[in-house]
Amino acid sequence: MAIASTAQADYPEQDIRLIIPYGPGGATDILFRLISQEAEKTLGESIVPVNMAGAGATLGSRNVKDADPDGYTLLGSHDTIALSKLAGTVDYSFDAFEPVALLTQTINIPTAHANHPVQSADEIADYVSENPGQVRFSMIPSSTDHFFWAQFFQETGIDMADVRLVGYPDTGEQVSALMAEEVDFAMFNLPSGGAFFQDGTFRALGIAHPERLESMPDVATLREQGIEMDHSTSRGIFAPKGTPQEVLDTIANAYGQALENEEVQSRIENEFGSVVRFLAGDDYQAFLDENEAALSAAAENIDFQN
């Protein structure tokens, strides 16, 4: 026990691998690299990002789940951990890991093309009731926006039988589809839709966050419109189950200090349309429990076979 405690007190003594379950260049990859580069200054050892894409982001999460719980292999991921279990891709969720810290949230935004008659999210339910079976919502099957719409329908009383969900392989194709007015609505965020909101190609119908976004002050939140729903891509750090608490605390402290850096904050908010939200320990665990409960409720309305 004394030897183990000494080892933990000296942590870290070597490079830390941060597994990112996506390829290079996406928002998840860039955000974790940005924040980790600052966090390693506090740790005194390098955090080495390792892209491990594949199997719907589960190749990387499984690698960390099965790694030694010594603090030298971490996972940088988001809601996809719970989504994969709910979709039946894997048999584990957040509870297979030790939660270290929530770092950022990318706020999601229900969106229409500029010519659409619907002006705000609270008008969607009436539009669907007036056009049953004709209203088209784009989504990537089993992804964040699939769950977003299921939860939105639940909160607004829309019957899934009255809408048409149209699947696309990626966000780029969804952008093209909405631009061509092949669909009525899509879920985007500032990284994927910001330029189109700015030039008027797309109309933001609401902000799925308790507060309005600074960059879009005129767009009301969903809650302001009477829709009791928040929705974001919530990125955080996870460790293998059984990692000592002292090690978890050391990692969380380093990432917390990194997020206090004004340049890092500015890039997160201005380049990636995200907000800094740091939660660690029991607070992060409570957040994950609440998040998974909301996703599970939404999943009851999703047929993952189609």
Protein backbone atom coordinates (compact mmCIF):
# COMPACT_ATOMS: atom_id res chain seq x y z
CA MET A 1 0.00 0.00 0.00
CA ALA A 2 2.84 2.39 0.85
CA ILE A 3 4.50 1.70 -2.50
CA ALA A 4 1.22 2.26 -4.36
CA SER A 5 0.57 5.52 -2.51
CA THR A 6 4.07 6.77 -3.31
CA ALA A 7 3.57 5.92 -6.99
CA GLN A 8 0.32 7.83 -7.05
CA ALA A 9 1.91 10.80 -5.31
CA ASP A 10 4.61 10.92 -8.01
CA TYR A 11 2.05 10.75 -10.85
CA PRO A 12 2.68 11.40 -13.66
CA GLU A 13 6.17 10.07 -14.35
CA GLN A 14 5.78 9.41 -18.08
CA ASP A 15 3.77 10.47 -21.11
CA ILE A 16 0.00 10.08 -20.94
CA ARG A 17 -1.87 8.68 -23.96
CA LEU A 18 -5.18 10.41 -24.70
CA ILE A 19 -7.25 8.18 -26.99
CA ILE A 20 -9.56 10.18 -29.28
CA PRO A 21 -12.06 7.80 -30.92
CA TYR A 22 -12.28 9.88 -34.11
CA GLY A 23 -9.95 10.74 -36.96
CA PRO A 24 -7.83 13.89 -37.01
CA GLY A 25 -9.19 17.31 -37.90
CA GLY A 26 -12.72 17.22 -36.51
CA ALA A 27 -13.99 19.40 -33.67
CA THR A 28 -13.55 16.62 -31.09
CA ASP A 29 -9.94 16.01 -32.11
CA ILE A 30 -9.00 19.69 -32.27
CA LEU A 31 -10.64 20.65 -28.97
CA PHE A 32 -8.97 17.86 -26.99
CA ARG A 33 -5.58 18.64 -28.54
CA LEU A 34 -5.96 22.35 -27.78
CA ILE A 35 -6.89 21.86 -24.12
CA SER A 36 -4.46 18.98 -23.51
CA GLN A 37 -1.53 21.01 -24.80
CA GLU A 38 -2.25 23.54 -22.05
CA ALA A 39 -3.01 20.89 -19.39
CA GLU A 40 0.35 19.17 -19.83
CA LYS A 41 2.07 22.34 -18.60
CA THR A 42 0.55 21.71 -15.17
CA LEU A 43 1.19 17.96 -15.23
CA GLY A 44 4.84 18.30 -16.21
CA GLU A 45 4.59 15.40 -18.66
CA SER A 46 3.32 15.22 -22.23
CA ILE A 47 -0.26 14.30 -23.10
CA VAL A 48 0.00 12.46 -26.40
CA PRO A 49 -3.24 12.46 -28.44
CA VAL A 50 -3.82 9.19 -30.30
CA ASN A 51 -6.55 9.08 -32.95
CA MET A 52 -8.27 5.69 -32.89
CA ALA A 53 -11.26 5.95 -35.19
CA GLY A 54 -13.47 3.03 -36.13
CA ALA A 55 -16.48 0.94 -35.16
CA GLY A 56 -18.65 3.99 -34.57
CA ALA A 57 -16.17 5.53 -32.09
CA THR A 58 -16.18 2.32 -30.01
CA LEU A 59 -12.73 1.06 -31.06
CA GLY A 60 -11.11 3.82 -29.04
CA SER A 61 -13.45 3.62 -26.06
CA ARG A 62 -12.99 -0.15 -25.78
CA ASN A 63 -9.21 0.30 -25.86
CA VAL A 64 -9.37 2.63 -22.85
CA LYS A 65 -11.97 0.54 -21.04
CA ASP A 66 -9.61 -2.44 -21.15
CA ALA A 67 -6.41 -0.48 -20.36
CA ASP A 68 -4.52 -0.58 -17.06
CA PRO A 69 -6.09 1.83 -14.53
CA ASP A 70 -2.83 3.69 -13.89
CA GLY A 71 -3.68 7.10 -15.34
CA TYR A 72 -1.48 6.72 -18.41
CA THR A 73 -4.30 5.88 -20.84
CA LEU A 74 -7.25 8.26 -21.00
CA LEU A 75 -10.26 8.73 -23.28
CA GLY A 76 -11.38 12.04 -24.74
CA SER A 77 -14.96 11.55 -25.89
CA HIS A 78 -18.57 12.69 -25.53
CA ASP A 79 -22.20 11.54 -25.55
CA THR A 80 -21.37 8.88 -28.14
CA ILE A 81 -20.38 6.55 -25.27
CA ALA A 82 -24.00 6.32 -24.11
CA LEU A 83 -25.43 6.54 -27.63
CA SER A 84 -23.46 3.46 -28.72
CA LYS A 85 -24.95 1.37 -25.93
CA LEU A 86 -28.48 2.63 -26.54
CA ALA A 87 -28.11 1.81 -30.24
CA GLY A 88 -26.97 -1.71 -29.36
CA THR A 89 -23.46 -1.26 -30.77
CA VAL A 90 -21.74 -2.09 -27.45
CA ASP A 91 -22.79 -3.38 -24.03
CA TYR A 92 -21.19 -0.62 -21.91
CA SER A 93 -21.78 3.06 -21.24
CA PHE A 94 -20.39 5.82 -19.00
CA ASP A 95 -20.40 3.47 -16.01
CA ALA A 96 -17.57 1.42 -17.58
CA PHE A 97 -15.20 4.33 -16.92
CA GLU A 98 -14.08 6.68 -14.18
CA PRO A 99 -15.33 10.16 -15.15
CA VAL A 100 -12.50 12.70 -14.86
CA ALA A 101 -13.90 16.03 -16.04
CA LEU A 102 -16.39 17.66 -18.39
CA LEU A 103 -14.55 20.29 -20.45
CA THR A 104 -16.78 21.79 -23.14
CA GLN A 105 -20.26 21.75 -24.60
CA THR A 106 -21.12 22.46 -28.22
CA ILE A 107 -24.68 23.75 -28.19
CA ASN A 108 -27.08 22.29 -30.73
CA ILE A 109 -29.48 24.37 -32.81
CA PRO A 110 -32.65 23.26 -34.68
CA THR A 111 -32.39 24.80 -38.13
CA ALA A 112 -34.49 25.53 -41.22
CA HIS A 113 -33.56 26.84 -44.65
CA ALA A 114 -34.11 30.55 -45.20
CA ASN A 115 -37.26 30.11 -47.31
CA HIS A 116 -39.10 27.97 -44.79
CA PRO A 117 -42.32 29.37 -43.28
CA VAL A 118 -41.38 28.24 -39.75
CA GLN A 119 -39.63 31.10 -37.94
CA SER A 120 -38.91 29.51 -34.55
CA ALA A 121 -38.78 26.10 -32.90
CA ASP A 122 -42.10 26.54 -31.09
CA GLU A 123 -43.85 26.65 -34.49
CA ILE A 124 -42.60 23.23 -35.62
CA ALA A 125 -45.31 21.19 -33.84
CA ASP A 126 -48.13 23.17 -35.47
CA TYR A 127 -46.42 22.91 -38.86
CA VAL A 128 -46.23 19.13 -38.49
CA SER A 129 -49.90 18.88 -37.45
CA GLU A 130 -50.87 20.92 -40.51
CA ASN A 131 -48.72 18.73 -42.81
CA PRO A 132 -48.80 15.21 -41.29
CA GLY A 133 -46.42 12.76 -42.91
CA GLN A 134 -44.91 15.44 -45.16
CA VAL A 135 -42.38 17.20 -42.91
CA ARG A 136 -38.81 16.00 -43.35
CA PHE A 137 -36.15 16.07 -40.62
CA SER A 138 -32.57 15.15 -41.51
CA MET A 139 -30.40 13.08 -39.19
CA ILE A 140 -27.42 10.73 -39.07
CA PRO A 141 -28.80 7.39 -37.80
CA SER A 142 -27.97 6.65 -34.14
CA SER A 143 -26.02 9.89 -33.86
CA THR A 144 -26.48 12.98 -31.70
CA ASP A 145 -29.04 14.60 -33.97
CA HIS A 146 -31.12 11.40 -34.18
CA PHE A 147 -31.50 11.61 -30.40
CA PHE A 148 -32.01 15.37 -30.55
CA TRP A 149 -35.09 15.03 -32.73
CA ALA A 150 -36.50 12.12 -30.72
CA GLN A 151 -36.20 14.22 -27.56
CA PHE A 152 -37.59 17.29 -29.33
CA PHE A 153 -40.63 15.37 -30.56
CA GLN A 154 -41.20 14.06 -27.05
CA GLU A 155 -40.99 17.52 -25.48
CA THR A 156 -43.25 19.18 -28.08
CA GLY A 157 -45.86 16.41 -28.37
CA ILE A 158 -45.06 15.52 -31.97
CA ASP A 159 -46.00 11.97 -32.96
CA MET A 160 -43.09 10.18 -34.67
CA ALA A 161 -45.64 8.67 -37.08
CA ASP A 162 -46.41 12.17 -38.40
CA VAL A 163 -42.85 13.03 -39.47
CA ARG A 164 -40.33 11.72 -41.97
CA LEU A 165 -36.79 11.16 -40.68
CA VAL A 166 -34.32 11.23 -43.57
CA GLY A 167 -30.93 9.63 -42.92
CA TYR A 168 -27.62 11.00 -44.20
CA PRO A 169 -24.10 9.62 -43.77
CA ASP A 170 -22.51 12.81 -42.47
CA THR A 171 -23.04 16.46 -41.59
CA GLY A 172 -21.75 17.71 -44.94
CA GLU A 173 -24.52 15.89 -46.79
CA GLN A 174 -27.08 17.26 -44.36
CA VAL A 175 -25.88 20.80 -45.07
CA SER A 176 -26.25 20.18 -48.81
CA ALA A 177 -29.73 18.67 -48.34
CA LEU A 178 -31.03 21.60 -46.31
CA MET A 179 -29.47 24.07 -48.72
CA ALA A 180 -31.26 22.32 -51.59
CA GLU A 181 -34.49 22.35 -49.53
CA GLU A 182 -34.72 18.56 -49.74
CA VAL A 183 -35.55 18.56 -46.03
CA ASP A 184 -37.40 21.01 -43.79
CA PHE A 185 -35.26 20.86 -40.68
CA ALA A 186 -31.82 19.78 -39.48
CA MET A 187 -29.86 20.02 -36.27
CA PHE A 188 -26.61 21.94 -36.54
CA ASN A 189 -24.33 23.91 -34.23
CA LEU A 190 -21.93 26.79 -34.72
CA PRO A 191 -19.03 24.68 -36.04
CA SER A 192 -21.25 23.08 -38.70
CA GLY A 193 -23.76 25.86 -39.40
CA GLY A 194 -22.31 29.13 -38.14
CA ALA A 195 -21.27 30.48 -41.54
CA PHE A 196 -24.71 29.67 -42.98
CA PHE A 197 -26.51 31.37 -40.09
CA GLN A 198 -24.31 34.40 -40.63
CA ASP A 199 -24.92 34.72 -44.38
CA GLY A 200 -28.66 34.00 -44.09
CA THR A 201 -28.68 30.68 -45.93
CA PHE A 202 -30.04 28.93 -42.82
CA ARG A 203 -32.33 30.15 -40.04
CA ALA A 204 -31.55 29.22 -36.43
CA LEU A 205 -34.88 28.33 -34.78
CA GLY A 206 -33.71 28.14 -31.17
CA ILE A 207 -30.76 27.52 -28.87
CA ALA A 208 -30.81 24.23 -26.92
CA HIS A 209 -29.04 25.74 -23.91
CA PRO A 210 -30.17 27.51 -20.72
CA GLU A 211 -28.69 30.78 -21.98
CA ARG A 212 -28.53 32.50 -25.37
CA LEU A 213 -25.25 32.30 -27.25
CA GLU A 214 -23.18 35.49 -27.27
CA SER A 215 -22.62 35.17 -31.01
CA MET A 216 -26.38 34.84 -31.69
CA PRO A 217 -28.03 37.12 -29.12
CA ASP A 218 -31.27 37.50 -31.09
CA VAL A 219 -32.04 33.76 -31.18
CA ALA A 220 -34.19 32.66 -28.23
CA THR A 221 -33.42 29.52 -26.26
CA LEU A 222 -35.79 26.57 -26.53
CA ARG A 223 -36.74 27.14 -22.89
CA GLU A 224 -37.71 30.73 -23.66
CA GLN A 225 -40.03 29.26 -26.30
CA GLY A 226 -41.66 26.93 -23.79
CA ILE A 227 -39.71 23.82 -24.80
CA GLU A 228 -38.08 22.39 -21.67
CA MET A 229 -35.00 20.97 -23.34
CA ASP A 230 -31.24 21.52 -23.42
CA HIS A 231 -29.05 19.60 -25.85
CA SER A 232 -25.35 19.72 -26.59
CA THR A 233 -22.35 17.63 -27.48
CA SER A 234 -20.63 17.37 -24.11
CA ARG A 235 -16.93 16.53 -24.31
CA GLY A 236 -14.98 15.20 -21.35
CA ILE A 237 -12.13 13.04 -20.12
CA PHE A 238 -12.58 9.45 -18.91
CA ALA A 239 -10.21 6.93 -17.31
CA PRO A 240 -10.32 3.13 -16.98
CA LYS A 241 -12.44 1.81 -14.12
CA GLY A 242 -10.40 1.50 -10.94
CA THR A 243 -8.03 4.41 -11.59
CA PRO A 244 -7.05 5.81 -8.15
CA GLN A 245 -8.92 8.93 -7.02
CA GLU A 246 -5.67 10.82 -6.44
CA VAL A 247 -4.75 10.30 -10.08
CA LEU A 248 -8.19 11.36 -11.28
CA ASP A 249 -7.96 14.51 -9.18
CA THR A 250 -4.50 15.35 -10.57
CA ILE A 251 -5.73 15.03 -14.16
CA ALA A 252 -8.91 17.01 -13.48
CA ASN A 253 -6.94 19.79 -11.81
CA ALA A 254 -4.62 20.10 -14.81
CA TYR A 255 -7.51 20.32 -17.28
CA GLY A 256 -9.36 22.76 -15.03
CA GLN A 257 -6.33 25.06 -14.98
CA ALA A 258 -6.00 24.73 -18.77
CA LEU A 259 -9.55 25.98 -19.22
CA GLU A 260 -8.74 29.11 -17.19
CA ASN A 261 -6.34 30.21 -19.93
CA GLU A 262 -8.00 33.13 -21.74
CA GLU A 263 -6.57 32.25 -25.14
CA VAL A 264 -7.84 28.67 -24.82
CA GLN A 265 -11.27 29.95 -23.76
CA SER A 266 -11.38 32.37 -26.68
CA ARG A 267 -10.54 29.68 -29.24
CA ILE A 268 -13.10 27.26 -27.78
CA GLU A 269 -15.84 29.88 -27.96
CA ASN A 270 -14.96 31.77 -31.13
CA GLU A 271 -13.43 29.09 -33.37
CA PHE A 272 -15.50 26.12 -32.26
CA GLY A 273 -18.82 27.64 -31.22
CA SER A 274 -18.64 25.88 -27.87
CA VAL A 275 -18.80 26.92 -24.23
CA VAL A 276 -16.40 26.05 -21.44
CA ARG A 277 -18.13 24.00 -18.78
CA PHE A 278 -15.84 22.37 -16.25
CA LEU A 279 -17.25 19.73 -13.92
CA ALA A 280 -15.25 17.13 -12.03
CA GLY A 281 -15.82 14.39 -9.46
CA ASP A 282 -19.36 13.90 -8.17
CA ASP A 283 -20.61 16.88 -10.18
CA TYR A 284 -19.52 15.29 -13.44
CA GLN A 285 -20.96 11.94 -12.40
CA ALA A 286 -24.33 13.56 -11.67
CA PHE A 287 -24.20 15.30 -15.06
CA LEU A 288 -23.53 12.00 -16.84
CA ASP A 289 -26.37 10.25 -14.97
CA GLU A 290 -28.82 12.98 -15.97
CA ASN A 291 -27.55 13.04 -19.54
CA GLU A 292 -27.89 9.27 -19.95
CA ALA A 293 -31.41 9.30 -18.47
CA ALA A 294 -32.49 11.91 -21.04
CA LEU A 295 -30.89 9.95 -23.88
CA SER A 296 -32.52 6.73 -22.69
CA ALA A 297 -35.94 8.37 -22.67
CA ALA A 298 -35.36 9.64 -26.22
CA ALA A 299 -34.17 6.19 -27.33
CA GLU A 300 -37.57 4.71 -26.53
CA ASN A 301 -38.89 6.56 -29.58
CA ILE A 302 -36.14 5.41 -31.94
CA ASP A 303 -36.20 2.33 -34.15
CA PHE A 304 -32.49 1.65 -34.60
CA GLN A 305 -33.14 -0.98 -37.25
CA ASN A 306 -34.34 1.60 -39.79
